């Protein structure tokens, strides 16, 4: 999967790379759904783990760490999403949000929550020695899908940060998160792009009706791209 930082997030990207050595143990990235927050955080995690970062601090794309991210998944990186979101992502690498797959007959419906068992299972990962010198990263997306028990389990780690472990929470609706979680994170606002910039980007991706797609998705370009691709598949089938 290609990991991208989109043009409308470049100021925030540069700011975080400039202070990469001073980043806190918990960051909360907030912004509208469908604007590229997950790709931003994945690229940040890759850059923080890179063994030979570029002059600006971005990932080199060629070292052992970057190859892990590109191919098999980095052993010092974990990502928690509800099952329904993981199913949606399989259908579109570029889309940050999409309708979840419908369960087939006889199978359990994919969960829309991050469950307490999944958070507790992170403890083994946290206790392991990191493979690289830059520590471990845990990403939760969307963070507001943590159920109450899962949020309480996560809070214990945020209150007593494990050595060499950073948490990156991504939220479309941070108001749904417990205040105790929010208070232990440094918030990073990722903006929605201007309409003209979003439309230009969609044209570059081959979307022929960007204004319509943006109007349908509240000016969220990745959601607009996903909607366009879904429509193309439907009409061609």
Protein backbone atom coordinates (compact mmCIF):
# COMPACT_ATOMS: atom_id res chain seq x y z
CA UNK A 1 0.00 0.00 0.00
CA UNK A 2 1.32 3.43 -0.93
CA UNK A 3 1.50 5.76 2.07
CA UNK A 4 1.00 9.42 1.26
CA UNK A 5 0.98 12.79 2.97
CA UNK A 6 -1.48 14.90 1.02
CA UNK A 7 -0.75 18.49 -0.08
CA UNK A 8 -3.24 20.04 2.35
CA UNK A 9 -1.40 18.52 5.33
CA UNK A 10 2.14 19.58 4.44
CA UNK A 11 2.42 22.36 7.10
CA UNK A 12 1.49 19.94 9.89
CA UNK A 13 3.83 17.34 8.40
CA UNK A 14 6.82 19.66 8.36
CA UNK A 15 6.10 20.85 11.90
CA UNK A 16 6.02 17.33 13.32
CA UNK A 17 9.19 16.25 11.54
CA UNK A 18 11.03 19.32 12.84
CA UNK A 19 10.27 18.31 16.42
CA UNK A 20 10.41 14.54 15.96
CA UNK A 21 12.88 14.13 18.82
CA UNK A 22 10.57 15.95 21.24
CA UNK A 23 7.21 14.38 20.38
CA UNK A 24 5.13 13.28 23.39
CA UNK A 25 4.18 9.68 24.04
CA UNK A 26 0.55 10.22 22.96
CA UNK A 27 -0.78 12.21 20.00
CA UNK A 28 -4.41 12.71 19.00
CA UNK A 29 -4.94 13.55 15.32
CA UNK A 30 -8.37 15.05 14.69
CA UNK A 31 -10.21 16.19 11.60
CA UNK A 32 -13.04 15.47 9.18
CA UNK A 33 -13.51 11.90 7.98
CA UNK A 34 -12.08 11.18 4.55
CA UNK A 35 -9.25 13.76 4.41
CA UNK A 36 -6.22 11.46 4.81
CA UNK A 37 -5.54 11.30 8.55
CA UNK A 38 -4.72 7.59 8.57
CA UNK A 39 -2.24 7.91 5.70
CA UNK A 40 -0.65 10.88 7.48
CA UNK A 41 -0.14 8.91 10.68
CA UNK A 42 1.15 5.82 8.87
CA UNK A 43 3.72 7.93 7.04
CA UNK A 44 4.71 9.63 10.30
CA UNK A 45 5.19 6.28 12.02
CA UNK A 46 7.33 5.08 9.11
CA UNK A 47 9.43 8.25 9.21
CA UNK A 48 9.98 8.02 12.97
CA UNK A 49 11.16 4.42 12.58
CA UNK A 50 13.33 5.06 9.50
CA UNK A 51 17.00 4.11 9.88
CA UNK A 52 18.24 6.66 7.31
CA UNK A 53 15.77 9.56 7.23
CA UNK A 54 16.07 12.31 4.63
CA UNK A 55 17.35 15.75 5.56
CA UNK A 56 13.81 16.90 6.39
CA UNK A 57 13.20 13.84 8.61
CA UNK A 58 10.94 11.95 6.18
CA UNK A 59 11.32 8.22 5.62
CA UNK A 60 13.99 7.23 3.09
CA UNK A 61 11.87 4.45 1.59
CA UNK A 62 14.86 2.12 1.17
CA UNK A 63 16.18 1.02 4.57
CA UNK A 64 15.22 -2.19 6.32
CA UNK A 65 12.60 -0.40 8.40
CA UNK A 66 10.96 1.21 5.36
CA UNK A 67 10.94 -2.11 3.51
CA UNK A 68 9.12 -3.68 6.44
CA UNK A 69 6.47 -0.99 6.22
CA UNK A 70 6.14 -1.46 2.47
CA UNK A 71 5.98 -5.24 2.37
CA UNK A 72 5.21 -7.24 5.50
CA UNK A 73 4.46 -4.73 8.23
CA UNK A 74 6.95 -3.35 10.75
CA UNK A 75 7.47 -5.50 13.87
CA UNK A 76 7.52 -2.32 16.02
CA UNK A 77 4.17 -1.07 14.65
CA UNK A 78 0.64 -2.06 15.61
CA UNK A 79 -2.63 -0.70 14.29
CA UNK A 80 -6.04 -1.26 15.88
CA UNK A 81 -9.19 -0.73 13.81
CA UNK A 82 -12.67 -2.19 14.15
CA UNK A 83 -13.21 -5.23 11.96
CA UNK A 84 -15.72 -3.30 9.84
CA UNK A 85 -13.11 -0.65 9.00
CA UNK A 86 -10.49 -3.25 8.09
CA UNK A 87 -12.98 -4.86 5.72
CA UNK A 88 -13.68 -1.50 4.10
CA UNK A 89 -10.00 -0.74 3.63
CA UNK A 90 -9.44 -3.96 1.75
CA UNK A 91 -11.75 -2.61 -0.94
CA UNK A 92 -9.94 0.68 -1.38
CA UNK A 93 -6.37 1.49 -0.32
CA UNK A 94 -6.90 5.15 -1.15
CA UNK A 95 -10.14 5.65 0.77
CA UNK A 96 -10.03 6.53 4.47
CA UNK A 97 -13.72 5.70 4.88
CA UNK A 98 -16.14 3.41 3.09
CA UNK A 99 -19.21 1.35 3.82
CA UNK A 100 -18.25 -1.93 5.54
CA UNK A 101 -18.68 -5.29 3.85
CA UNK A 102 -21.95 -7.08 4.43
CA UNK A 103 -21.51 -10.34 6.36
CA UNK A 104 -22.15 -13.53 4.46
CA UNK A 105 -24.73 -16.02 5.68
CA UNK A 106 -23.68 -17.82 8.84
CA UNK A 107 -20.86 -15.41 9.69
CA UNK A 108 -20.72 -12.89 12.53
CA UNK A 109 -21.23 -9.29 11.50
CA UNK A 110 -17.90 -7.40 11.62
CA UNK A 111 -17.55 -5.37 14.80
CA UNK A 112 -17.72 -1.57 14.58
CA UNK A 113 -15.84 -1.19 17.88
CA UNK A 114 -12.29 -1.59 19.09
CA UNK A 115 -12.80 -4.17 21.83
CA UNK A 116 -11.14 -4.44 25.22
CA UNK A 117 -9.58 -7.78 24.30
CA UNK A 118 -7.72 -6.14 21.42
CA UNK A 119 -6.33 -3.41 23.67
CA UNK A 120 -5.26 -5.91 26.32
CA UNK A 121 -3.49 -8.00 23.68
CA UNK A 122 -1.21 -5.02 23.07
CA UNK A 123 0.50 -5.69 26.39
CA UNK A 124 2.62 -8.49 24.95
CA UNK A 125 3.71 -6.18 22.13
CA UNK A 126 4.51 -3.37 24.59
CA UNK A 127 6.63 -5.68 26.74
CA UNK A 128 8.77 -6.87 23.83
CA UNK A 129 12.12 -5.24 23.12
CA UNK A 130 11.88 -3.00 20.05
CA UNK A 131 13.62 -4.20 16.88
CA UNK A 132 14.76 -0.68 16.03
CA UNK A 133 16.27 2.11 18.10
CA UNK A 134 13.26 4.40 17.62
CA UNK A 135 10.78 2.50 19.79
CA UNK A 136 7.31 1.23 19.03
CA UNK A 137 4.17 2.88 17.69
CA UNK A 138 0.54 1.94 18.35
CA UNK A 139 -2.16 3.50 16.16
CA UNK A 140 -5.88 3.46 17.01
CA UNK A 141 -8.32 4.41 14.24
CA UNK A 142 -10.92 5.78 14.66
CA UNK A 143 -10.23 6.27 18.35
CA UNK A 144 -13.87 7.05 19.14
CA UNK A 145 -14.76 3.43 18.31
CA UNK A 146 -13.04 2.27 21.50
CA UNK A 147 -15.78 0.83 23.66
CA UNK A 148 -15.88 1.89 27.32
CA UNK A 149 -13.85 -1.05 28.60
CA UNK A 150 -11.27 -0.69 25.83
CA UNK A 151 -10.88 3.03 26.59
CA UNK A 152 -10.28 2.26 30.27
CA UNK A 153 -7.67 -0.35 29.36
CA UNK A 154 -5.91 2.11 27.06
CA UNK A 155 -6.00 4.83 29.72
CA UNK A 156 -3.76 2.77 31.99
CA UNK A 157 -0.99 2.89 29.38
CA UNK A 158 -1.52 6.58 28.68
CA UNK A 159 -1.28 7.36 32.41
CA UNK A 160 1.90 5.31 32.84
CA UNK A 161 3.57 5.40 29.42
CA UNK A 162 5.57 2.25 28.66
CA UNK A 163 9.22 3.09 27.86
CA UNK A 164 9.89 3.51 24.15
CA UNK A 165 6.23 3.26 23.13
CA UNK A 166 4.19 6.02 21.50
CA UNK A 167 0.44 6.10 20.89
CA UNK A 168 -1.19 7.81 17.93
CA UNK A 169 -4.95 8.16 18.14
CA UNK A 170 -6.92 9.27 15.07
CA UNK A 171 -10.41 10.66 15.50
CA UNK A 172 -13.16 11.98 13.25
CA UNK A 173 -15.21 12.95 16.31
CA UNK A 174 -12.94 13.61 19.29
CA UNK A 175 -15.91 14.81 21.34
CA UNK A 176 -16.95 11.17 21.65
CA UNK A 177 -13.69 10.27 23.40
CA UNK A 178 -13.50 10.24 27.20
CA UNK A 179 -12.04 13.46 28.61
CA UNK A 180 -9.44 11.39 30.46
CA UNK A 181 -8.10 10.07 27.14
CA UNK A 182 -8.06 13.51 25.48
CA UNK A 183 -6.27 15.14 28.42
CA UNK A 184 -3.34 12.74 28.11
CA UNK A 185 -2.76 13.39 24.41
CA UNK A 186 -1.31 16.31 22.52
CA UNK A 187 -3.87 17.22 19.86
CA UNK A 188 -2.92 17.76 16.22
CA UNK A 189 -5.64 19.27 14.02
CA UNK A 190 -5.47 18.07 10.40
CA UNK A 191 -7.48 20.47 8.22
CA UNK A 192 -9.95 19.85 5.43
CA UNK A 193 -8.52 21.20 2.14
CA UNK A 194 -9.89 24.21 0.32
CA UNK A 195 -12.43 23.22 -2.36
CA UNK A 196 -10.19 24.27 -5.25
CA UNK A 197 -7.21 22.29 -3.96
CA UNK A 198 -9.37 19.22 -3.31
CA UNK A 199 -10.94 19.42 -6.78
CA UNK A 200 -7.53 19.74 -8.45
CA UNK A 201 -6.22 16.72 -6.56
CA UNK A 202 -9.25 14.66 -7.57
CA UNK A 203 -8.75 15.63 -11.22
CA UNK A 204 -5.18 14.36 -10.94
CA UNK A 205 -6.56 11.04 -9.67
CA UNK A 206 -8.79 10.74 -12.73
CA UNK A 207 -12.10 11.85 -11.17
CA UNK A 208 -14.09 13.63 -13.89
CA UNK A 209 -16.74 15.23 -11.68
CA UNK A 210 -14.80 16.43 -8.60
CA UNK A 211 -17.20 19.23 -7.61
CA UNK A 212 -20.12 16.79 -7.42
CA UNK A 213 -18.14 14.22 -5.47
CA UNK A 214 -16.88 16.83 -3.01
CA UNK A 215 -20.41 18.15 -2.49
CA UNK A 216 -21.56 14.61 -1.72
CA UNK A 217 -18.84 14.07 0.90
CA UNK A 218 -18.55 17.42 2.66
CA UNK A 219 -15.36 18.39 0.82
CA UNK A 220 -13.53 15.24 1.95
CA UNK A 221 -11.32 14.28 -1.02
CA UNK A 222 -10.47 10.70 -0.08
CA UNK A 223 -14.11 9.92 0.61
CA UNK A 224 -14.95 11.56 -2.72
CA UNK A 225 -12.35 9.42 -4.49
CA UNK A 226 -13.72 6.26 -2.88
CA UNK A 227 -17.28 7.17 -3.92
CA UNK A 228 -16.14 7.79 -7.50
CA UNK A 229 -14.34 4.45 -7.70
CA UNK A 230 -17.28 2.60 -6.22
CA UNK A 231 -19.59 4.14 -8.82
CA UNK A 232 -17.21 3.23 -11.64
CA UNK A 233 -17.09 -0.41 -10.52
CA UNK A 234 -20.87 -0.56 -10.18
CA UNK A 235 -21.53 0.83 -13.64
CA UNK A 236 -18.90 -1.36 -15.31
CA UNK A 237 -20.12 -4.60 -13.77
